[in-house]
């Protein structure tokens, strides 16, 4: 279930404050930082973004 467009406009990466890309349509829903140097992927659980750096997946 994709997130609302209005919500995505106000959310930002807590680590670098860059915008987030919505990848909630995938098998493992997440929001991925669009920052060139960051790239953290934050999980979305039950339709709720978990924007905690400790919970984020590091880029490969």
C-alpha atoms as a PDB file:
ATOM      1  CA  UNK A   1       0.000   0.000   0.000  1.00  0.00           C
ATOM      2  CA  UNK A   2       1.714   3.229  -1.162  1.00  0.00           C
ATOM      3  CA  UNK A   3       1.906   6.170   1.196  1.00  0.00           C
ATOM      4  CA  UNK A   4      -0.016   9.382   0.554  1.00  0.00           C
ATOM      5  CA  UNK A   5       1.779  11.887  -1.686  1.00  0.00           C
ATOM      6  CA  UNK A   6       1.220  14.666   0.868  1.00  0.00           C
ATOM      7  CA  UNK A   7       2.959  12.625   3.540  1.00  0.00           C
ATOM      8  CA  UNK A   8       5.965  11.955   1.305  1.00  0.00           C
ATOM      9  CA  UNK A   9       6.337  15.694   0.645  1.00  0.00           C
ATOM     10  CA  UNK A  10       6.951  16.435   4.327  1.00  0.00           C
ATOM     11  CA  UNK A  11       9.047  13.381   5.272  1.00  0.00           C
ATOM     12  CA  UNK A  12      12.839  13.553   5.097  1.00  0.00           C
ATOM     13  CA  UNK A  13      15.737  11.322   6.017  1.00  0.00           C
ATOM     14  CA  UNK A  14      16.518  11.831   9.714  1.00  0.00           C
ATOM     15  CA  UNK A  15      20.240  11.330   9.074  1.00  0.00           C
ATOM     16  CA  UNK A  16      20.862  13.801   6.207  1.00  0.00           C
ATOM     17  CA  UNK A  17      17.490  15.552   5.671  1.00  0.00           C
ATOM     18  CA  UNK A  18      17.244  14.517   1.993  1.00  0.00           C
ATOM     19  CA  UNK A  19      13.908  13.509   0.423  1.00  0.00           C
ATOM     20  CA  UNK A  20      12.760   9.885   0.597  1.00  0.00           C
ATOM     21  CA  UNK A  21      11.847   7.629  -2.349  1.00  0.00           C
ATOM     22  CA  UNK A  22       8.698   5.551  -1.887  1.00  0.00           C
ATOM     23  CA  UNK A  23       9.351   1.840  -2.407  1.00  0.00           C
ATOM     24  CA  UNK A  24       6.348   0.569  -0.481  1.00  0.00           C
ATOM     25  CA  UNK A  25       5.009  -1.386  -3.469  1.00  0.00           C
ATOM     26  CA  UNK A  26       7.897  -3.871  -3.174  1.00  0.00           C
ATOM     27  CA  UNK A  27       7.853  -7.136  -1.194  1.00  0.00           C
ATOM     28  CA  UNK A  28       9.624  -5.427   1.703  1.00  0.00           C
ATOM     29  CA  UNK A  29       8.136  -1.900   1.876  1.00  0.00           C
ATOM     30  CA  UNK A  30      10.604   0.849   2.681  1.00  0.00           C
ATOM     31  CA  UNK A  31      11.446   4.484   2.143  1.00  0.00           C
ATOM     32  CA  UNK A  32      14.908   5.023   0.680  1.00  0.00           C
ATOM     33  CA  UNK A  33      16.934   8.199   1.153  1.00  0.00           C
ATOM     34  CA  UNK A  34      17.577   9.995  -2.140  1.00  0.00           C
ATOM     35  CA  UNK A  35      20.766  11.586  -0.807  1.00  0.00           C
ATOM     36  CA  UNK A  36      23.849  10.628  -2.838  1.00  0.00           C
ATOM     37  CA  UNK A  37      26.021   9.969   0.211  1.00  0.00           C
ATOM     38  CA  UNK A  38      23.388   8.439   2.500  1.00  0.00           C
ATOM     39  CA  UNK A  39      21.019   5.928   0.865  1.00  0.00           C
ATOM     40  CA  UNK A  40      19.574   4.555   4.125  1.00  0.00           C
ATOM     41  CA  UNK A  41      16.403   2.470   3.701  1.00  0.00           C
ATOM     42  CA  UNK A  42      13.755   2.907   6.386  1.00  0.00           C
ATOM     43  CA  UNK A  43      11.168   0.134   6.895  1.00  0.00           C
ATOM     44  CA  UNK A  44       7.425   0.715   6.618  1.00  0.00           C
ATOM     45  CA  UNK A  45       5.507  -1.474   9.055  1.00  0.00           C
ATOM     46  CA  UNK A  46       1.711  -1.733   8.851  1.00  0.00           C
ATOM     47  CA  UNK A  47       1.660   1.403   6.679  1.00  0.00           C
ATOM     48  CA  UNK A  48       3.704   3.433   9.187  1.00  0.00           C
ATOM     49  CA  UNK A  49       7.227   4.648   8.264  1.00  0.00           C
ATOM     50  CA  UNK A  50       9.801   3.834  10.949  1.00  0.00           C
ATOM     51  CA  UNK A  51      12.186   6.769  10.580  1.00  0.00           C
ATOM     52  CA  UNK A  52      14.789   5.695  13.114  1.00  0.00           C
ATOM     53  CA  UNK A  53      18.412   5.563  11.991  1.00  0.00           C
ATOM     54  CA  UNK A  54      18.960   2.496  14.218  1.00  0.00           C
ATOM     55  CA  UNK A  55      16.183   0.646  12.316  1.00  0.00           C
ATOM     56  CA  UNK A  56      17.418   1.663   8.838  1.00  0.00           C
ATOM     57  CA  UNK A  57      19.102  -0.722   6.425  1.00  0.00           C
ATOM     58  CA  UNK A  58      22.520   0.428   5.222  1.00  0.00           C
ATOM     59  CA  UNK A  59      23.077   0.612   1.446  1.00  0.00           C
ATOM     60  CA  UNK A  60      24.806  -2.380  -0.132  1.00  0.00           C
END
